Amino acid sequence: MYLLIAAAIVLALVFISAHIAQEYQRAIVFRLGRYHRTAGPGLYFILPFIDRQITVDIRTRTVDLEQQETITKDSVTIKVNAVLWFKVLNPESAIIKVANYNQAVYQFAVTALRNIIGQHLLDEVLREREEINATMQKIVDAATEPWGIKIVMVEMKDVEIPESMQRAMAREAEAIREKRARIIKAEAELEASIKLTQGAKQMEGSPIALELRRMQMLSEIGIDNNTTTIVLVPSDFTNAAKSFTEMVAKQSPQQ
């Protein structure tokens, strides 16, 4: 009878002391209030009524940083929200060195986000998100490293700009596009004028080329069914008129 009772007590103690930790879990075991060991994954045993355990999840966690209203370096009020990913590398430090590591990471990340936005201009916040994300990751990771926590990644999800500032930025973008269009058009006209000048000089030395250009112009006009009347003046007439003008100009000073 006593053996059965003793065996039952032993089995009950074994049953109470046996625990199982999943692959993604670690158990921090305290014996009489002092840190004893980190157990898991798999089956492990603790002493009933003497040991106490705290289970830590070492998988990567996602923290949604709620929307923060902050002021940029150029005094523009914006609203920013971000997402942070972290994982516990040292479960012992995460339990012993900080009371609530989840809350601690969240609060420090929110503070770092507000500080970083305040150090950048609005244009920098919009254009240089990757650099801001990397800077924030380094700052938060340096602060949480003593807690045994690794910041995997930080990403800003959205930047909300005041409506008045959106209209101003839209006008600025429209002005920049108009400026580019005018510059491109001016460059095209300059290039066309250079080509036309080169073509005119080439035709000037070849009367046949000028005649061919006239015939091409007639064919282009004749494509459309129109009633336009064109009177062609032979190039010999123009050359004769030019020669006559030069001769009169030479004789006028002599007289």
Protein backbone atom coordinates (compact mmCIF):
# COMPACT_ATOMS: atom_id res chain seq x y z
CA MET A 1 0.00 0.00 0.00
CA TYR A 2 2.74 2.43 0.97
CA LEU A 3 4.69 1.57 -2.15
CA LEU A 4 1.70 2.35 -4.31
CA ILE A 5 1.22 5.69 -2.58
CA ALA A 6 4.91 6.53 -2.95
CA ALA A 7 4.87 5.53 -6.60
CA ALA A 8 1.81 7.68 -7.21
CA ILE A 9 3.45 10.64 -5.50
CA VAL A 10 6.60 10.19 -7.61
CA LEU A 11 4.59 9.95 -10.81
CA ALA A 12 2.63 13.05 -9.87
CA LEU A 13 5.85 14.97 -9.18
CA VAL A 14 7.32 13.82 -12.49
CA PHE A 15 4.14 14.81 -14.28
CA ILE A 16 4.17 18.24 -12.63
CA SER A 17 7.87 18.83 -13.29
CA ALA A 18 7.81 17.79 -16.95
CA HIS A 19 7.32 20.54 -19.50
CA ILE A 20 7.59 20.83 -23.28
CA ALA A 21 8.81 23.91 -25.16
CA GLN A 22 8.10 24.33 -28.85
CA GLU A 23 10.90 24.87 -31.36
CA TYR A 24 10.23 28.62 -31.33
CA GLN A 25 10.08 28.85 -27.51
CA ARG A 26 12.63 29.10 -24.75
CA ALA A 27 11.93 28.69 -21.01
CA ILE A 28 13.76 30.91 -18.52
CA VAL A 29 13.99 28.89 -15.27
CA PHE A 30 14.40 30.63 -11.91
CA ARG A 31 15.33 28.58 -8.82
CA LEU A 32 14.45 30.21 -5.53
CA GLY A 33 14.26 33.56 -7.29
CA ARG A 34 17.64 33.36 -9.02
CA TYR A 35 18.24 32.67 -12.71
CA HIS A 36 19.09 29.00 -13.13
CA ARG A 37 19.07 28.11 -16.85
CA THR A 38 17.39 28.48 -20.22
CA ALA A 39 15.53 25.34 -21.22
CA GLY A 40 14.05 24.14 -24.50
CA PRO A 41 13.12 23.35 -27.09
CA GLY A 42 11.68 19.94 -26.37
CA LEU A 43 11.16 18.15 -23.06
CA TYR A 44 12.68 19.55 -19.87
CA PHE A 45 12.08 19.22 -16.14
CA ILE A 46 11.85 21.72 -13.29
CA LEU A 47 11.60 21.18 -9.55
CA PRO A 48 8.02 21.66 -8.34
CA PHE A 49 7.46 24.43 -5.82
CA ILE A 50 11.13 25.49 -6.12
CA ASP A 51 11.59 26.45 -9.76
CA ARG A 52 9.55 29.00 -11.70
CA GLN A 53 9.62 29.39 -15.46
CA ILE A 54 8.81 32.14 -17.99
CA THR A 55 8.35 31.16 -21.62
CA VAL A 56 9.73 33.48 -24.34
CA ASP A 57 8.76 33.40 -28.02
CA ILE A 58 11.90 33.87 -30.15
CA ARG A 59 10.12 34.27 -33.50
CA THR A 60 10.23 37.55 -35.38
CA ARG A 61 7.43 39.83 -34.21
CA THR A 62 5.67 42.67 -35.96
CA VAL A 63 4.95 45.93 -34.14
CA ASP A 64 2.63 48.46 -35.75
CA LEU A 65 3.71 51.93 -34.69
CA GLU A 66 0.49 53.91 -34.56
CA GLN A 67 0.20 57.19 -36.44
CA GLN A 68 2.37 59.90 -34.94
CA GLU A 69 1.80 63.62 -35.52
CA THR A 70 5.16 65.36 -35.59
CA ILE A 71 6.86 68.44 -37.04
CA THR A 72 9.60 68.31 -39.65
CA LYS A 73 12.75 70.41 -39.62
CA ASP A 74 11.08 73.01 -41.88
CA SER A 75 8.09 73.34 -39.49
CA VAL A 76 5.56 71.25 -41.45
CA THR A 77 3.16 69.16 -39.37
CA ILE A 78 2.81 65.65 -40.79
CA LYS A 79 1.42 62.32 -39.64
CA VAL A 80 3.63 59.24 -39.95
CA ASN A 81 3.09 55.58 -39.14
CA ALA A 82 5.57 52.74 -39.44
CA VAL A 83 6.07 49.02 -38.91
CA LEU A 84 8.90 47.44 -36.92
CA TRP A 85 10.09 43.83 -36.92
CA PHE A 86 12.20 42.42 -34.07
CA LYS A 87 13.19 39.10 -32.54
CA VAL A 88 14.59 37.96 -29.19
CA LEU A 89 18.14 36.67 -29.50
CA ASN A 90 18.88 36.37 -25.80
CA PRO A 91 15.78 35.31 -23.84
CA GLU A 92 17.60 35.62 -20.52
CA SER A 93 18.39 39.32 -21.04
CA ALA A 94 14.92 40.03 -22.44
CA ILE A 95 13.33 38.79 -19.19
CA ILE A 96 15.86 39.94 -16.61
CA LYS A 97 17.03 43.33 -17.93
CA VAL A 98 13.68 44.86 -18.91
CA ALA A 99 10.27 44.52 -17.31
CA ASN A 100 8.20 44.29 -20.53
CA TYR A 101 10.37 44.08 -23.63
CA ASN A 102 7.41 44.33 -26.03
CA GLN A 103 6.26 47.62 -24.54
CA ALA A 104 9.82 48.86 -24.20
CA VAL A 105 10.60 48.27 -27.88
CA TYR A 106 7.35 49.92 -28.94
CA GLN A 107 7.82 53.05 -26.84
CA PHE A 108 11.44 53.54 -27.83
CA ALA A 109 10.64 53.03 -31.53
CA VAL A 110 7.86 55.63 -31.40
CA THR A 111 10.18 58.13 -29.72
CA ALA A 112 12.95 57.47 -32.24
CA LEU A 113 10.52 57.93 -35.13
CA ARG A 114 9.39 61.33 -33.89
CA ASN A 115 12.99 62.46 -33.28
CA ILE A 116 14.21 61.37 -36.70
CA ILE A 117 11.35 63.08 -38.52
CA GLY A 118 12.12 66.28 -36.62
CA GLN A 119 15.69 66.20 -37.95
CA HIS A 120 14.69 66.07 -41.64
CA LEU A 121 13.01 68.42 -44.08
CA LEU A 122 9.69 67.46 -45.61
CA ASP A 123 11.26 66.78 -49.01
CA GLU A 124 13.82 64.52 -47.37
CA VAL A 125 11.11 62.57 -45.55
CA LEU A 126 9.31 61.99 -48.85
CA ARG A 127 12.37 61.17 -50.95
CA GLU A 128 14.77 59.49 -48.53
CA ARG A 129 12.59 56.92 -46.80
CA GLU A 130 15.16 54.15 -47.17
CA GLU A 131 17.84 56.24 -45.45
CA ILE A 132 15.45 57.24 -42.65
CA ASN A 133 14.38 53.62 -42.15
CA ALA A 134 18.01 52.49 -41.95
CA THR A 135 18.89 55.25 -39.48
CA MET A 136 15.94 54.43 -37.27
CA GLN A 137 16.79 50.73 -37.33
CA LYS A 138 20.35 51.45 -36.17
CA ILE A 139 19.19 53.74 -33.35
CA VAL A 140 16.54 51.34 -31.99
CA ASP A 141 18.80 48.31 -32.44
CA ALA A 142 21.60 49.98 -30.47
CA ALA A 143 19.20 50.72 -27.61
CA THR A 144 17.62 47.25 -27.49
CA GLU A 145 20.81 45.24 -27.93
CA PRO A 146 21.49 45.10 -24.15
CA TRP A 147 18.01 43.61 -23.77
CA GLY A 148 18.94 40.73 -26.07
CA ILE A 149 16.64 42.00 -28.83
CA LYS A 150 17.53 42.39 -32.52
CA ILE A 151 15.68 44.91 -34.72
CA VAL A 152 15.26 43.14 -38.03
CA MET A 153 13.71 45.91 -40.11
CA VAL A 154 11.84 49.22 -39.91
CA GLU A 155 9.56 50.58 -42.65
CA MET A 156 7.52 53.77 -42.80
CA LYS A 157 4.11 52.85 -44.20
CA ASP A 158 2.52 56.21 -44.86
CA VAL A 159 3.24 59.93 -44.61
CA GLU A 160 0.13 62.11 -44.39
CA ILE A 161 0.68 65.72 -45.49
CA PRO A 162 -1.72 68.64 -44.83
CA GLU A 163 -4.07 69.38 -47.72
CA SER A 164 -2.74 72.92 -48.17
CA MET A 165 0.79 71.55 -48.51
CA GLN A 166 -0.40 68.97 -51.03
CA ARG A 167 -1.84 71.74 -53.22
CA ALA A 168 1.40 73.71 -52.97
CA MET A 169 3.45 70.66 -53.94
CA ALA A 170 1.11 69.99 -56.87
CA ARG A 171 1.61 73.53 -58.15
CA GLU A 172 5.35 73.18 -57.76
CA ALA A 173 5.38 69.90 -59.68
CA GLU A 174 3.25 71.44 -62.45
CA ALA A 175 5.64 74.40 -62.73
CA ILE A 176 8.63 72.06 -62.96
CA ARG A 177 6.98 70.02 -65.73
CA GLU A 178 6.11 73.18 -67.66
CA LYS A 179 9.69 74.38 -67.32
CA ARG A 180 10.99 71.09 -68.69
CA ALA A 181 8.54 71.21 -71.60
CA ARG A 182 9.64 74.72 -72.55
CA ILE A 183 13.31 73.82 -72.33
CA ILE A 184 12.79 70.75 -74.52
CA LYS A 185 10.82 72.78 -77.05
CA ALA A 186 13.50 75.49 -77.16
CA GLU A 187 16.23 72.91 -77.62
CA ALA A 188 14.25 71.30 -80.44
CA GLU A 189 13.76 74.67 -82.18
CA LEU A 190 17.48 75.44 -81.81
CA GLU A 191 18.44 72.10 -83.31
CA ALA A 192 15.93 72.54 -86.14
CA SER A 193 17.24 76.01 -86.94
CA ILE A 194 20.81 74.67 -87.08
CA LYS A 195 19.74 71.91 -89.45
CA LEU A 196 17.78 74.35 -91.62
CA THR A 197 20.77 76.68 -91.81
CA GLN A 198 23.01 73.80 -92.85
CA GLY A 199 20.46 72.74 -95.46
CA ALA A 200 20.16 76.27 -96.83
CA LYS A 201 23.93 76.57 -97.16
CA GLN A 202 24.03 73.23 -98.94
CA MET A 203 21.30 74.29 -101.40
CA GLU A 204 22.94 77.64 -102.00
CA GLY A 205 25.87 75.94 -103.70
CA SER A 206 23.69 73.60 -105.78
CA PRO A 207 20.84 75.16 -107.84
CA ILE A 208 19.64 71.68 -108.81
CA ALA A 209 19.04 70.87 -105.14
CA LEU A 210 16.89 73.98 -104.83
CA GLU A 211 14.82 72.92 -107.83
CA LEU A 212 14.37 69.44 -106.39
CA ARG A 213 13.21 70.99 -103.11
CA ARG A 214 10.62 73.03 -104.98
CA MET A 215 9.34 69.97 -106.81
CA GLN A 216 9.10 68.14 -103.48
CA MET A 217 7.12 71.02 -102.02
CA LEU A 218 4.69 70.83 -104.98
CA SER A 219 4.20 67.12 -104.48
CA GLU A 220 3.51 67.64 -100.77
CA ILE A 221 0.93 70.33 -101.53
CA GLY A 222 -0.70 68.15 -104.18
CA ILE A 223 -1.34 65.36 -101.69
CA ASP A 224 -4.38 67.18 -100.34
CA ASN A 225 -7.31 67.90 -102.65
CA ASN A 226 -7.30 71.66 -102.51
CA THR A 227 -7.77 74.55 -104.91
CA THR A 228 -4.59 76.40 -104.04
CA THR A 229 -2.99 78.13 -107.05
CA ILE A 230 0.79 78.24 -107.05
CA VAL A 231 2.87 80.37 -109.39
CA LEU A 232 6.47 79.27 -109.73
CA VAL A 233 9.18 81.71 -110.65
CA PRO A 234 12.21 80.10 -112.29
CA SER A 235 15.37 80.38 -110.33
CA ASP A 236 17.04 82.04 -113.30
CA PHE A 237 14.80 85.05 -112.81
CA THR A 238 15.82 85.38 -109.20
CA ASN A 239 19.49 84.98 -110.09
CA ALA A 240 19.14 87.62 -112.81
CA ALA A 241 17.38 89.97 -110.41
CA LYS A 242 20.12 89.44 -107.87
CA SER A 243 22.83 90.15 -110.45
CA PHE A 244 21.01 93.26 -111.64
CA THR A 245 20.71 94.52 -108.06
CA GLU A 246 24.41 94.00 -107.44
CA MET A 247 25.30 95.82 -110.66
CA VAL A 248 23.10 98.81 -109.76
CA ALA A 249 24.64 98.91 -106.31
CA LYS A 250 28.14 99.06 -107.79
CA GLN A 251 27.28 101.81 -110.31
CA SER A 252 25.50 104.04 -107.79
CA PRO A 253 28.67 105.07 -105.84
CA GLN A 254 30.51 105.78 -109.11
CA GLN A 255 27.83 108.24 -110.18
